[in-house]
Amino acid sequence: MYFWRWALWKLFENPVAESTGPGIVSFITASSYLRGPGFVGMRQKMREAFDELWIIDLEGDNLGARKTENVFNIQTPVAIAIGVRYCEAKPSTPAKVHYTRVTGTRDEKYAALDKIQKFNDLNWQDCSDGWQQPLLPKQEGNYSVWPLLTDLFPWQHSGVQFKRTWPIGETPEVLQKRWIALLEKQGDERRNAFRETRDRKADRQYPDLLQPKRRLLAISQITSDTPSLPTVRYAFRSFDRQWAIQDSRLGDYLRPVFWLIQSNRQVYMTSLLTGVLGVGPAASMSAFIPDLHHFRGSFGGKDVIPLWRDAASTQPNLPVGLLVALGKTFGRVVTAEDFFAYAYAVLASPAYVDKFSDKLTVPPPRLPVTKDNKLFNEAVAIGRRLIWLHTYGERFAPDGETQVPTGKAECVAEIKKGYPEEFSYNFESQLLRVGDGEFTHVSPAVWDFSVSGLAVLTCPHS
């Protein structure tokens, strides 16, 4: 971003040199500015500066959900951009933007680039002409006019980030042992075991999550017999419920607002709202406060969508008038839970990502809202059942059902030799081996299931 801004100033805006153009700027840089919501100003500045702009997308993302080989030894995708102003006058309309993508292995990308002699050697697609629109091909069809998920659920927030792993564990007993082990240490040993960061120090006091006006005694000052604050269920990863100590001293970014709106009716939908979705469902669900990385590929974006804005569950996270408009369309009362379930029925289906894979390269996802009463009701029913199943029966329980049905998988040999480091699966026998443990009747569908490219059954808990 800095190089681009300096080059635009140098060539077109420098008052000392009376720079106005014409001119050409070309860089190969990280490509997040092509689509990222934090780069709308940069895209506008580029469209203001040039008459024409060519983008050669070389991909190369090794951090996100859709991994591709990079032309450099780096983790982030890159693109070549060539911008041209043909005369001195500043363009009065947005630059005409052309886009192409070079795919394959690193060697294949190098070979393809070596063959380019002129612009016509590449197949270009025209991009959107809005000042701040992504520098990506125009989207066609109904998808482009559907409402953005972020417009339908106006409040999004980043998930919790402890910045240390020990306050999160598989059971409350594990966490209590860790707490006791921490308090057995004194002075620098306790500070080292605590794992201090820039935002959390053992010698400082921090406000209670549930009573913000009350400050908690510093970790370094509490006695060895001080009990921990409550351990609560925690949505660590998709379908991976763990426990966490509900203590603001132990986490850098615990998102206090979540703890204040949590209730037995609250439910959270997570997705990738600023990143590119990978294979699998476009959203995940939890009855408990989610981790920053609850949904695969979330690296700090505001990817958590609560259903309610308050603990009393009286303020839905929806645009004013939406439920009234839907009620008039369907001739009945539509609740916030109905619409949340409808959205989840659409987004939780891997078919959604499969069908709109190319269009989903421009975040956030879009949601079709049907006017067909029967179709809407069918989707609501599916979504409610999915939320019930995916929250382990904690939310949206169907009438007459009190327990989530169990599957056929069964543990036939316990894991006895410490923490397992290897696993394997046999498709024919449907046998899953984890260390020295064995599980039968694990269906191939379960084995293959992934959330944005992350295999849920075998993902490392780190």
Protein backbone atom coordinates (compact mmCIF):
# COMPACT_ATOMS: atom_id res chain seq x y z
CA MET A 1 0.00 0.00 0.00
CA TYR A 2 2.82 2.41 0.89
CA PHE A 3 4.65 1.79 -2.40
CA TRP A 4 1.51 2.33 -4.42
CA ARG A 5 0.61 5.53 -2.58
CA TRP A 6 4.13 6.92 -2.97
CA ALA A 7 4.21 6.09 -6.69
CA LEU A 8 0.83 7.74 -7.36
CA TRP A 9 1.97 10.86 -5.55
CA LYS A 10 5.36 10.90 -7.28
CA LEU A 11 3.93 10.57 -10.75
CA PHE A 12 0.65 12.50 -10.56
CA GLU A 13 0.50 14.69 -7.43
CA ASN A 14 3.95 16.02 -6.51
CA PRO A 15 3.48 19.84 -6.49
CA VAL A 16 7.23 20.56 -6.57
CA ALA A 17 7.74 18.64 -9.79
CA GLU A 18 4.30 19.67 -11.08
CA SER A 19 3.60 16.00 -11.66
CA THR A 20 0.32 15.32 -13.46
CA GLY A 21 1.18 12.57 -15.92
CA PRO A 22 1.06 10.93 -18.34
CA GLY A 23 2.76 7.92 -16.85
CA ILE A 24 2.87 4.23 -16.01
CA VAL A 25 3.13 2.50 -12.63
CA SER A 26 3.66 -1.23 -12.23
CA PHE A 27 4.26 -3.29 -9.10
CA ILE A 28 4.05 -6.88 -7.99
CA THR A 29 2.76 -6.79 -4.42
CA ALA A 30 0.54 -8.57 -1.95
CA SER A 31 -2.91 -8.72 -3.55
CA SER A 32 -5.24 -8.15 -0.58
CA TYR A 33 -6.11 -4.72 -1.99
CA LEU A 34 -7.95 -6.40 -4.87
CA ARG A 35 -10.87 -7.41 -2.65
CA GLY A 36 -10.23 -6.55 1.01
CA PRO A 37 -12.76 -4.22 2.69
CA GLY A 38 -9.90 -2.31 4.35
CA PHE A 39 -8.58 -1.16 0.95
CA VAL A 40 -11.59 0.70 -0.49
CA GLY A 41 -9.67 3.99 -0.31
CA MET A 42 -6.69 2.52 -2.11
CA ARG A 43 -8.89 1.15 -4.90
CA GLN A 44 -10.58 4.53 -5.31
CA LYS A 45 -7.22 6.31 -5.44
CA MET A 46 -6.00 3.92 -8.15
CA ARG A 47 -9.16 4.36 -10.20
CA GLU A 48 -8.83 8.15 -9.84
CA ALA A 49 -5.18 8.15 -10.99
CA PHE A 50 -5.33 5.95 -14.09
CA ASP A 51 -7.22 5.73 -17.34
CA GLU A 52 -6.67 1.96 -17.51
CA LEU A 53 -5.52 -0.65 -15.01
CA TRP A 54 -4.50 -4.25 -15.68
CA ILE A 55 -4.43 -6.86 -12.89
CA ILE A 56 -2.56 -10.17 -13.26
CA ASP A 57 -3.59 -12.24 -10.24
CA LEU A 58 -0.89 -14.81 -9.38
CA GLU A 59 -2.74 -16.21 -6.33
CA GLY A 60 -0.42 -17.96 -3.82
CA ASP A 61 -2.45 -17.92 -0.59
CA ASN A 62 -1.01 -20.41 1.90
CA LEU A 63 -2.85 -19.08 4.96
CA GLY A 64 -6.48 -18.97 3.85
CA ALA A 65 -9.00 -21.66 3.00
CA ARG A 66 -8.07 -21.96 -0.69
CA LYS A 67 -4.37 -22.76 -0.82
CA THR A 68 -2.40 -22.22 -4.04
CA GLU A 69 1.30 -22.17 -4.87
CA ASN A 70 3.06 -18.83 -4.61
CA VAL A 71 5.64 -17.53 -7.06
CA PHE A 72 7.70 -16.41 -4.05
CA ASN A 73 8.62 -18.11 -0.77
CA ILE A 74 5.89 -16.26 1.12
CA GLN A 75 2.46 -17.14 2.54
CA THR A 76 0.35 -14.29 1.14
CA PRO A 77 -1.02 -14.08 -2.44
CA VAL A 78 0.44 -11.60 -4.91
CA ALA A 79 -0.60 -9.80 -8.08
CA ILE A 80 1.01 -7.75 -10.82
CA ALA A 81 -0.73 -4.45 -11.55
CA ILE A 82 -0.03 -2.06 -14.42
CA GLY A 83 -1.71 1.35 -14.33
CA VAL A 84 -1.57 3.88 -17.20
CA ARG A 85 -2.56 7.54 -17.53
CA TYR A 86 -2.47 8.64 -21.15
CA CYS A 87 -2.51 12.42 -20.76
CA GLU A 88 -1.92 15.15 -18.19
CA ALA A 89 -5.56 15.65 -17.27
CA LYS A 90 -6.85 13.71 -14.29
CA PRO A 91 -9.50 11.20 -15.44
CA SER A 92 -13.08 12.22 -14.65
CA THR A 93 -14.37 8.65 -14.64
CA PRO A 94 -13.05 5.52 -12.89
CA ALA A 95 -10.22 3.75 -14.64
CA LYS A 96 -11.22 0.86 -16.89
CA VAL A 97 -9.95 -2.22 -15.04
CA HIS A 98 -9.01 -5.51 -16.70
CA TYR A 99 -8.37 -8.74 -14.78
CA THR A 100 -6.77 -12.08 -15.50
CA ARG A 101 -5.54 -14.92 -13.33
CA VAL A 102 -2.52 -17.18 -13.76
CA THR A 103 -2.99 -20.56 -12.08
CA GLY A 104 -0.99 -23.75 -11.54
CA THR A 105 2.25 -24.64 -9.81
CA ARG A 106 5.03 -22.11 -9.29
CA ASP A 107 6.91 -23.43 -12.34
CA GLU A 108 3.76 -23.35 -14.46
CA LYS A 109 3.13 -19.74 -13.45
CA TYR A 110 6.70 -18.76 -14.32
CA ALA A 111 6.38 -20.49 -17.70
CA ALA A 112 3.09 -18.72 -18.42
CA LEU A 113 4.57 -15.33 -17.51
CA ASP A 114 7.64 -15.95 -19.69
CA LYS A 115 5.42 -16.41 -22.74
CA ILE A 116 3.72 -13.02 -22.38
CA GLN A 117 4.91 -10.54 -25.01
CA LYS A 118 1.92 -8.20 -25.18
CA PHE A 119 -1.37 -7.57 -23.38
CA ASN A 120 -3.35 -9.54 -25.95
CA ASP A 121 -1.50 -12.72 -24.96
CA LEU A 122 -3.76 -12.90 -21.89
CA ASN A 123 -7.49 -13.43 -21.60
CA TRP A 124 -8.83 -10.36 -19.81
CA GLN A 125 -12.13 -9.89 -18.01
CA ASP A 126 -13.69 -6.49 -17.36
CA CYS A 127 -14.05 -5.47 -13.70
CA SER A 128 -16.68 -3.46 -11.88
CA ASP A 129 -16.50 0.28 -12.56
CA GLY A 130 -17.49 1.58 -9.11
CA TRP A 131 -14.85 3.76 -7.46
CA GLN A 132 -14.38 1.43 -4.49
CA GLN A 133 -15.51 -1.90 -5.93
CA PRO A 134 -13.10 -4.89 -5.85
CA LEU A 135 -10.58 -5.06 -8.66
CA LEU A 136 -12.10 -8.36 -9.76
CA PRO A 137 -14.31 -9.48 -12.67
CA LYS A 138 -17.91 -8.27 -12.74
CA GLN A 139 -20.34 -10.66 -11.14
CA GLU A 140 -23.26 -11.71 -13.28
CA GLY A 141 -26.57 -13.34 -12.49
CA ASN A 142 -28.84 -13.11 -9.46
CA TYR A 143 -26.06 -13.58 -6.93
CA SER A 144 -24.73 -10.06 -7.41
CA VAL A 145 -28.05 -8.45 -6.41
CA TRP A 146 -28.71 -10.56 -3.30
CA PRO A 147 -28.19 -8.74 0.01
CA LEU A 148 -24.86 -9.05 1.75
CA LEU A 149 -24.83 -11.16 4.90
CA THR A 150 -23.36 -8.17 6.72
CA ASP A 151 -26.36 -6.03 5.71
CA LEU A 152 -28.88 -8.61 6.92
CA PHE A 153 -27.04 -9.03 10.25
CA PRO A 154 -25.64 -5.51 10.85
CA TRP A 155 -23.59 -6.31 13.96
CA GLN A 156 -20.52 -8.47 13.50
CA HIS A 157 -17.68 -8.84 15.96
CA SER A 158 -14.31 -10.58 16.25
CA GLY A 159 -14.19 -13.73 18.37
CA VAL A 160 -12.36 -14.16 21.67
CA GLN A 161 -8.55 -14.24 21.67
CA PHE A 162 -6.87 -15.43 24.86
CA LYS A 163 -3.31 -15.18 23.45
CA ARG A 164 -2.38 -18.14 25.68
CA THR A 165 -3.60 -21.72 25.48
CA TRP A 166 -3.62 -22.85 29.11
CA PRO A 167 -6.95 -21.14 30.12
CA ILE A 168 -8.70 -23.34 27.49
CA GLY A 169 -9.06 -27.08 28.08
CA GLU A 170 -11.06 -30.24 27.49
CA THR A 171 -12.58 -30.39 31.00
CA PRO A 172 -13.05 -28.11 34.03
CA GLU A 173 -10.82 -30.48 36.00
CA VAL A 174 -7.92 -29.91 33.60
CA LEU A 175 -8.32 -26.15 33.97
CA GLN A 176 -8.42 -26.35 37.77
CA LYS A 177 -5.16 -28.32 37.80
CA ARG A 178 -3.54 -25.66 35.61
CA TRP A 179 -4.85 -22.87 37.85
CA ILE A 180 -3.51 -24.54 40.98
CA ALA A 181 -0.15 -25.18 39.27
CA LEU A 182 0.06 -21.48 38.37
CA LEU A 183 -0.66 -20.30 41.93
CA GLU A 184 1.91 -22.69 43.40
CA LYS A 185 4.57 -20.56 41.75
CA GLN A 186 5.77 -17.22 43.09
CA GLY A 187 7.38 -14.08 41.68
CA ASP A 188 9.03 -14.39 38.29
CA GLU A 189 8.15 -18.08 38.06
CA ARG A 190 4.45 -17.22 38.22
CA ARG A 191 4.86 -14.43 35.68
CA ASN A 192 6.67 -16.77 33.29
CA ALA A 193 4.06 -19.51 33.72
CA PHE A 194 1.28 -16.97 33.19
CA ARG A 195 2.84 -16.01 29.83
CA GLU A 196 2.72 -12.24 29.82
CA THR A 197 1.96 -10.29 26.64
CA ARG A 198 1.73 -6.63 25.76
CA ASP A 199 -1.90 -6.47 26.88
CA ARG A 200 -1.88 -8.79 29.87
CA LYS A 201 0.59 -8.47 32.75
CA ALA A 202 0.61 -10.51 35.95
CA ASP A 203 1.08 -7.37 38.09
CA ARG A 204 -1.90 -5.44 36.73
CA GLN A 205 -5.58 -5.39 37.66
CA TYR A 206 -8.33 -5.83 35.08
CA PRO A 207 -12.13 -5.34 35.18
CA ASP A 208 -14.42 -8.30 35.78
CA LEU A 209 -16.16 -9.45 32.59
CA LEU A 210 -19.61 -9.53 34.18
CA GLN A 211 -19.11 -6.54 36.51
CA PRO A 212 -16.96 -4.06 34.57
CA LYS A 213 -16.80 -1.58 37.46
CA ARG A 214 -15.20 -4.21 39.68
CA ARG A 215 -11.45 -4.73 39.26
CA LEU A 216 -9.89 -8.12 39.88
CA LEU A 217 -6.80 -8.54 42.02
CA ALA A 218 -3.58 -8.93 40.00
CA ILE A 219 -2.48 -12.50 39.27
CA SER A 220 0.83 -11.86 41.01
CA GLN A 221 -0.96 -10.79 44.21
CA ILE A 222 -3.46 -13.60 44.77
CA THR A 223 -2.70 -16.32 47.29
CA SER A 224 -2.14 -19.97 46.43
CA ASP A 225 -5.54 -21.00 47.82
CA THR A 226 -7.56 -18.50 45.74
CA PRO A 227 -10.21 -20.31 43.71
CA SER A 228 -10.46 -19.62 40.00
CA LEU A 229 -13.39 -17.80 38.48
CA PRO A 230 -16.03 -20.07 36.87
CA THR A 231 -15.15 -22.37 34.00
CA VAL A 232 -17.65 -22.14 31.15
CA ARG A 233 -18.26 -23.85 27.85
CA TYR A 234 -16.27 -22.29 25.01
CA ALA A 235 -16.64 -22.62 21.22
CA PHE A 236 -13.01 -23.30 20.36
CA ARG A 237 -13.40 -24.51 16.75
CA SER A 238 -16.36 -25.61 14.63
CA PHE A 239 -18.03 -28.55 16.43
CA ASP A 240 -15.22 -28.49 19.01
CA ARG A 241 -16.62 -27.40 22.37
CA GLN A 242 -14.05 -26.91 25.09
CA TRP A 243 -13.98 -25.13 28.45
CA ALA A 244 -12.44 -21.80 29.42
CA ILE A 245 -11.84 -19.87 32.62
CA GLN A 246 -14.10 -16.82 32.55
CA ASP A 247 -11.43 -14.41 33.73
CA SER A 248 -10.48 -11.15 32.04
CA ARG A 249 -6.98 -11.34 33.54
CA LEU A 250 -6.21 -14.46 31.50
CA GLY A 251 -7.02 -13.24 28.00
CA ASP A 252 -5.87 -10.27 25.93
CA TYR A 253 -9.07 -9.79 23.91
CA LEU A 254 -11.98 -11.53 25.62
CA ARG A 255 -14.58 -9.28 23.94
CA PRO A 256 -16.47 -8.21 27.11
CA VAL A 257 -19.62 -7.42 25.11
CA PHE A 258 -20.10 -11.14 24.37
CA TRP A 259 -20.12 -12.07 28.05
CA LEU A 260 -22.71 -9.37 28.73
CA ILE A 261 -25.12 -10.60 26.02
CA GLN A 262 -24.66 -14.33 26.66
CA SER A 263 -27.84 -16.20 27.67
CA ASN A 264 -29.54 -19.55 27.24
CA ARG A 265 -31.20 -18.18 24.09
CA GLN A 266 -28.11 -16.63 22.52
CA VAL A 267 -26.59 -18.33 19.49
CA TYR A 268 -23.64 -17.33 17.31
CA MET A 269 -23.12 -17.88 13.60
CA THR A 270 -19.53 -17.69 12.35
CA SER A 271 -18.31 -17.40 8.78
CA LEU A 272 -15.62 -15.64 6.74
CA LEU A 273 -16.91 -12.12 6.22
CA THR A 274 -13.67 -10.61 4.92
CA GLY A 275 -11.88 -13.70 3.57
CA VAL A 276 -12.42 -16.24 0.81
CA LEU A 277 -14.43 -19.31 1.80
CA GLY A 278 -13.06 -22.78 1.14
CA VAL A 279 -14.77 -26.13 0.57
CA GLY A 280 -17.56 -27.04 2.99
CA PRO A 281 -20.31 -25.04 4.70
CA ALA A 282 -20.21 -21.25 4.54
CA ALA A 283 -21.12 -20.89 8.20
CA SER A 284 -20.87 -22.67 11.53
CA MET A 285 -23.00 -22.40 14.67
CA SER A 286 -22.44 -22.33 18.42
CA ALA A 287 -24.46 -21.79 21.57
CA PHE A 288 -21.32 -20.54 23.33
CA ILE A 289 -18.99 -17.59 22.87
CA PRO A 290 -16.70 -18.37 19.92
CA ASP A 291 -12.94 -18.20 19.64
CA LEU A 292 -11.37 -15.86 17.10
CA HIS A 293 -10.60 -18.90 14.92
CA HIS A 294 -13.89 -20.74 15.48
CA PHE A 295 -14.48 -20.76 11.73
CA ARG A 296 -11.60 -22.04 9.62
CA GLY A 297 -9.64 -19.25 7.98
CA SER A 298 -10.64 -16.42 10.31
CA PHE A 299 -7.50 -14.44 11.11
CA GLY A 300 -8.96 -11.62 13.12
CA GLY A 301 -11.89 -10.45 11.04
CA LYS A 302 -15.27 -9.60 12.52
CA ASP A 303 -16.59 -13.03 11.63
CA VAL A 304 -19.00 -13.67 14.53
CA ILE A 305 -22.71 -12.87 14.11
CA PRO A 306 -24.80 -13.04 17.33
CA LEU A 307 -28.55 -13.54 17.01
CA TRP A 308 -29.32 -11.15 19.87
CA ARG A 309 -27.82 -7.81 20.89
CA ASP A 310 -28.77 -8.19 24.55
CA ALA A 311 -28.88 -10.85 27.27
CA ALA A 312 -32.66 -10.55 27.56
CA SER A 313 -33.03 -11.61 23.89
CA THR A 314 -35.29 -8.68 23.07
CA GLN A 315 -33.12 -6.90 20.49
CA PRO A 316 -32.51 -9.02 17.38
CA ASN A 317 -29.39 -8.41 15.30
CA LEU A 318 -31.45 -7.56 12.22
CA PRO A 319 -32.24 -4.42 10.21
CA VAL A 320 -35.20 -2.41 11.47
CA GLY A 321 -38.33 -3.41 9.57
CA LEU A 322 -37.01 -6.65 8.08
CA LEU A 323 -39.25 -8.96 10.12
CA VAL A 324 -42.27 -6.73 9.50
CA ALA A 325 -41.62 -6.79 5.74
CA LEU A 326 -41.26 -10.57 5.74
CA GLY A 327 -44.41 -10.89 7.83
CA LYS A 328 -46.38 -8.89 5.26
CA THR A 329 -44.94 -11.00 2.44
CA PHE A 330 -45.82 -14.33 4.08
CA GLY A 331 -48.98 -13.26 5.89
CA ARG A 332 -47.75 -14.40 9.28
CA VAL A 333 -45.45 -13.41 12.11
CA VAL A 334 -41.78 -14.06 11.27
CA THR A 335 -39.49 -14.22 14.30
CA ALA A 336 -35.80 -13.41 14.58
CA GLU A 337 -35.15 -17.12 15.22
CA ASP A 338 -37.00 -17.96 11.98
CA PHE A 339 -34.80 -15.71 9.88
CA PHE A 340 -31.61 -16.83 11.62
CA ALA A 341 -32.58 -20.45 10.94
CA TYR A 342 -33.41 -19.64 7.32
CA ALA A 343 -30.00 -18.06 6.80
CA TYR A 344 -28.24 -21.01 8.39
CA ALA A 345 -30.14 -23.51 6.25
CA VAL A 346 -28.71 -21.82 3.16
CA LEU A 347 -25.18 -21.13 4.40
CA ALA A 348 -24.59 -24.43 6.22
CA SER A 349 -25.03 -26.40 3.01
CA PRO A 350 -21.71 -27.18 1.27
CA ALA A 351 -23.67 -26.93 -2.00
CA TYR A 352 -23.88 -23.16 -1.48
CA VAL A 353 -20.08 -22.85 -1.61
CA ASP A 354 -19.83 -25.31 -4.51
CA LYS A 355 -22.39 -23.44 -6.60
CA PHE A 356 -21.06 -19.93 -5.98
CA SER A 357 -17.37 -20.75 -5.55
CA ASP A 358 -16.12 -18.16 -8.03
CA LYS A 359 -18.43 -15.44 -6.78
CA LEU A 360 -17.45 -16.07 -3.16
CA THR A 361 -13.93 -14.85 -3.92
CA VAL A 362 -15.42 -11.42 -3.19
CA PRO A 363 -16.42 -11.34 0.51
CA PRO A 364 -18.74 -11.23 2.32
CA PRO A 365 -21.22 -13.96 1.28
CA ARG A 366 -24.60 -12.96 -0.11
CA LEU A 367 -27.91 -14.51 0.94
CA PRO A 368 -30.93 -15.07 -1.30
CA VAL A 369 -34.17 -14.20 0.53
CA THR A 370 -37.10 -16.00 -1.03
CA LYS A 371 -40.63 -14.60 -1.30
CA ASP A 372 -42.04 -18.13 -1.60
CA ASN A 373 -43.81 -18.86 1.70
CA LYS A 374 -43.56 -22.65 1.37
CA LEU A 375 -39.87 -22.54 0.47
CA PHE A 376 -39.12 -20.13 3.31
CA ASN A 377 -40.90 -22.37 5.84
CA GLU A 378 -39.05 -25.46 4.60
CA ALA A 379 -35.73 -23.68 4.96
CA VAL A 380 -36.64 -22.46 8.45
CA ALA A 381 -37.47 -26.02 9.53
CA ILE A 382 -34.18 -27.32 8.15
CA GLY A 383 -32.22 -24.47 9.72
CA ARG A 384 -33.82 -24.95 13.12
CA ARG A 385 -32.97 -28.64 13.13
CA LEU A 386 -29.40 -27.93 12.00
CA ILE A 387 -28.93 -25.36 14.77
CA TRP A 388 -30.30 -27.86 17.29
CA LEU A 389 -27.90 -30.55 16.06
CA HIS A 390 -24.88 -28.27 15.65
CA THR A 391 -25.27 -26.82 19.15
CA TYR A 392 -25.47 -30.30 20.64
CA GLY A 393 -29.12 -29.80 21.57
CA GLU A 394 -28.50 -26.54 23.44
CA ARG A 395 -30.65 -24.32 21.20
CA PHE A 396 -33.80 -24.48 19.01
CA ALA A 397 -34.99 -27.84 20.34
CA PRO A 398 -37.86 -29.25 18.20
CA ASP A 399 -41.15 -29.94 19.93
CA GLY A 400 -41.16 -33.36 21.54
CA GLU A 401 -37.42 -33.97 21.15
CA THR A 402 -35.20 -33.68 24.20
CA GLN A 403 -32.01 -35.42 23.10
CA VAL A 404 -29.84 -35.21 20.01
CA PRO A 405 -29.80 -38.60 18.26
CA THR A 406 -26.57 -40.56 18.55
CA GLY A 407 -24.64 -41.85 15.57
CA LYS A 408 -23.30 -45.31 14.83
CA ALA A 409 -19.63 -44.57 15.57
CA GLU A 410 -18.31 -46.44 18.59
CA CYS A 411 -15.04 -46.52 20.52
CA VAL A 412 -13.84 -50.15 20.64
CA ALA A 413 -10.32 -49.50 21.94
CA GLU A 414 -9.41 -46.64 24.28
CA ILE A 415 -6.40 -44.40 23.78
CA LYS A 416 -4.00 -45.49 26.52
CA LYS A 417 -0.48 -44.54 25.43
CA GLY A 418 -0.43 -40.83 26.12
CA TYR A 419 -1.32 -38.07 23.69
CA PRO A 420 -1.80 -39.58 20.20
CA GLU A 421 0.44 -38.28 17.41
CA GLU A 422 -0.76 -40.43 14.49
CA PHE A 423 -4.11 -41.39 13.01
CA SER A 424 -5.42 -43.34 10.01
CA TYR A 425 -8.73 -44.25 8.38
CA ASN A 426 -9.83 -47.30 6.39
CA PHE A 427 -12.66 -46.54 3.96
CA GLU A 428 -13.65 -50.17 3.50
CA SER A 429 -13.91 -51.13 7.17
CA GLN A 430 -14.83 -47.55 8.24
CA LEU A 431 -12.30 -47.90 11.06
CA LEU A 432 -10.59 -44.82 12.48
CA ARG A 433 -7.36 -45.31 14.43
CA VAL A 434 -6.15 -42.51 16.71
CA GLY A 435 -2.89 -43.49 18.39
CA ASP A 436 -3.63 -46.88 19.90
CA GLY A 437 -7.38 -46.15 20.03
CA GLU A 438 -9.94 -47.48 17.55
CA PHE A 439 -13.37 -46.22 16.47
CA THR A 440 -15.71 -48.28 14.28
CA HIS A 441 -18.60 -47.27 11.98
CA VAL A 442 -17.05 -43.89 11.14
CA SER A 443 -18.71 -43.14 7.81
CA PRO A 444 -16.70 -41.73 4.88
CA ALA A 445 -19.01 -38.67 4.93
CA VAL A 446 -17.93 -37.92 8.50
CA TRP A 447 -14.27 -38.53 7.67
CA ASP A 448 -14.42 -36.21 4.63
CA PHE A 449 -16.46 -33.42 6.26
CA SER A 450 -14.59 -30.12 6.40
CA VAL A 451 -15.32 -26.50 7.28
CA SER A 452 -13.74 -24.18 4.73
CA GLY A 453 -11.13 -26.82 3.97
CA LEU A 454 -10.38 -27.81 7.58
CA ALA A 455 -11.11 -31.48 8.31
CA VAL A 456 -13.24 -31.31 11.48
CA LEU A 457 -12.57 -34.88 12.60
CA THR A 458 -8.77 -34.68 12.44
CA CYS A 459 -7.95 -31.00 12.91
CA PRO A 460 -5.17 -30.34 15.43
CA HIS A 461 -6.40 -28.49 18.53
CA SER A 462 -3.78 -25.79 18.65
